[in-house]
Amino acid sequence: MSLPSLDNVDRLSTVYGYSRVRRAISLLDNLVFEEFFYGKLHLYPLWIKQFTRLLDAARPRAIVKELMSSQE
């Protein structure tokens, strides 16, 4: 999970739903940031931010897939 890809994030949001994945990653980000802020973690895992950006990019892909399948 150190380098998430757009296809993996798209697949994850398709299976579990965008809002559920967004909520989970947001909770994880808040917990990790709190641990980092209080000095319990020495390095902040940047893959969380990359995952969030990829999740935002994957959302329109799901909408396009839904529109394409509804036209058939």
C-alpha atoms as a PDB file:
ATOM      1  CA  MET A   1       0.000   0.000   0.000  1.00  0.00           C
ATOM      2  CA  SER A   2       3.027   2.260  -0.117  1.00  0.00           C
ATOM      3  CA  LEU A   3       2.203   3.435  -3.668  1.00  0.00           C
ATOM      4  CA  PRO A   4      -1.510   3.155  -4.425  1.00  0.00           C
ATOM      5  CA  SER A   5      -2.481   3.312  -8.095  1.00  0.00           C
ATOM      6  CA  LEU A   6      -5.539   4.862  -9.689  1.00  0.00           C
ATOM      7  CA  ASP A   7      -6.807   1.459 -10.831  1.00  0.00           C
ATOM      8  CA  ASN A   8      -6.519  -0.014  -7.332  1.00  0.00           C
ATOM      9  CA  VAL A   9      -8.256   2.954  -5.727  1.00  0.00           C
ATOM     10  CA  ASP A  10     -10.943   2.905  -8.431  1.00  0.00           C
ATOM     11  CA  ARG A  11     -11.552  -0.794  -7.836  1.00  0.00           C
ATOM     12  CA  LEU A  12     -11.709  -0.249  -4.074  1.00  0.00           C
ATOM     13  CA  SER A  13     -14.213   2.606  -4.376  1.00  0.00           C
ATOM     14  CA  THR A  14     -16.297   0.576  -6.844  1.00  0.00           C
ATOM     15  CA  VAL A  15     -16.501  -2.407  -4.496  1.00  0.00           C
ATOM     16  CA  TYR A  16     -17.068  -0.560  -1.216  1.00  0.00           C
ATOM     17  CA  GLY A  17     -18.518   2.736  -2.425  1.00  0.00           C
ATOM     18  CA  TYR A  18     -16.866   6.116  -2.666  1.00  0.00           C
ATOM     19  CA  SER A  19     -18.368   7.590   0.507  1.00  0.00           C
ATOM     20  CA  ARG A  20     -17.452   4.586   2.649  1.00  0.00           C
ATOM     21  CA  VAL A  21     -13.836   4.579   1.423  1.00  0.00           C
ATOM     22  CA  ARG A  22     -13.613   8.376   1.798  1.00  0.00           C
ATOM     23  CA  ARG A  23     -14.882   8.182   5.383  1.00  0.00           C
ATOM     24  CA  ALA A  24     -12.452   5.354   6.263  1.00  0.00           C
ATOM     25  CA  ILE A  25      -9.408   7.127   4.813  1.00  0.00           C
ATOM     26  CA  SER A  26     -10.425  10.353   6.548  1.00  0.00           C
ATOM     27  CA  LEU A  27     -10.623   8.584   9.928  1.00  0.00           C
ATOM     28  CA  LEU A  28      -7.263   6.934   9.304  1.00  0.00           C
ATOM     29  CA  ASP A  29      -5.703  10.253   8.303  1.00  0.00           C
ATOM     30  CA  ASN A  30      -7.004  11.941  11.457  1.00  0.00           C
ATOM     31  CA  LEU A  31      -5.680   9.157  13.700  1.00  0.00           C
ATOM     32  CA  VAL A  32      -2.272   9.070  12.034  1.00  0.00           C
ATOM     33  CA  PHE A  33      -1.952  12.860  12.090  1.00  0.00           C
ATOM     34  CA  GLU A  34      -2.763  12.927  15.808  1.00  0.00           C
ATOM     35  CA  GLU A  35      -0.084  10.302  16.502  1.00  0.00           C
ATOM     36  CA  PHE A  36       2.396  12.241  14.345  1.00  0.00           C
ATOM     37  CA  PHE A  37       1.506  15.563  15.990  1.00  0.00           C
ATOM     38  CA  TYR A  38       2.117  14.233  19.499  1.00  0.00           C
ATOM     39  CA  GLY A  39       5.433  12.662  18.495  1.00  0.00           C
ATOM     40  CA  LYS A  40       4.419   9.010  18.626  1.00  0.00           C
ATOM     41  CA  LEU A  41       5.199   8.643  14.904  1.00  0.00           C
ATOM     42  CA  HIS A  42       8.409  10.061  13.498  1.00  0.00           C
ATOM     43  CA  LEU A  43       7.403   9.998   9.820  1.00  0.00           C
ATOM     44  CA  TYR A  44       4.017  10.891   8.401  1.00  0.00           C
ATOM     45  CA  PRO A  45       2.947   8.292   5.799  1.00  0.00           C
ATOM     46  CA  LEU A  46       2.545  10.306   2.608  1.00  0.00           C
ATOM     47  CA  TRP A  47       0.672   7.488   0.861  1.00  0.00           C
ATOM     48  CA  ILE A  48      -2.465   8.595   2.752  1.00  0.00           C
ATOM     49  CA  LYS A  49      -2.429  11.960   0.957  1.00  0.00           C
ATOM     50  CA  GLN A  50      -1.690  10.242  -2.361  1.00  0.00           C
ATOM     51  CA  PHE A  51      -4.540   7.798  -1.734  1.00  0.00           C
ATOM     52  CA  THR A  52      -6.915  10.710  -1.049  1.00  0.00           C
ATOM     53  CA  ARG A  53      -5.911  12.461  -4.294  1.00  0.00           C
ATOM     54  CA  LEU A  54      -6.359   9.230  -6.248  1.00  0.00           C
ATOM     55  CA  LEU A  55      -9.735   8.668  -4.607  1.00  0.00           C
ATOM     56  CA  ASP A  56     -10.847  12.114  -5.760  1.00  0.00           C
ATOM     57  CA  ALA A  57      -9.631  11.255  -9.269  1.00  0.00           C
ATOM     58  CA  ALA A  58     -11.397   7.869  -9.227  1.00  0.00           C
ATOM     59  CA  ARG A  59     -14.803   9.305  -8.354  1.00  0.00           C
ATOM     60  CA  PRO A  60     -15.518  10.756 -11.816  1.00  0.00           C
ATOM     61  CA  ARG A  61     -14.478   7.425 -13.367  1.00  0.00           C
ATOM     62  CA  ALA A  62     -17.241   5.665 -11.418  1.00  0.00           C
ATOM     63  CA  ILE A  63     -19.789   8.257 -12.523  1.00  0.00           C
ATOM     64  CA  VAL A  64     -18.756   7.834 -16.170  1.00  0.00           C
ATOM     65  CA  LYS A  65     -18.957   4.033 -15.870  1.00  0.00           C
ATOM     66  CA  GLU A  66     -22.445   4.330 -14.394  1.00  0.00           C
ATOM     67  CA  LEU A  67     -23.597   6.670 -17.171  1.00  0.00           C
ATOM     68  CA  MET A  68     -22.137   4.408 -19.873  1.00  0.00           C
ATOM     69  CA  SER A  69     -23.843   1.317 -18.453  1.00  0.00           C
ATOM     70  CA  SER A  70     -27.211   3.082 -18.114  1.00  0.00           C
ATOM     71  CA  GLN A  71     -27.148   4.100 -21.805  1.00  0.00           C
ATOM     72  CA  GLU A  72     -26.764   0.514 -22.993  1.00  0.00           C
END
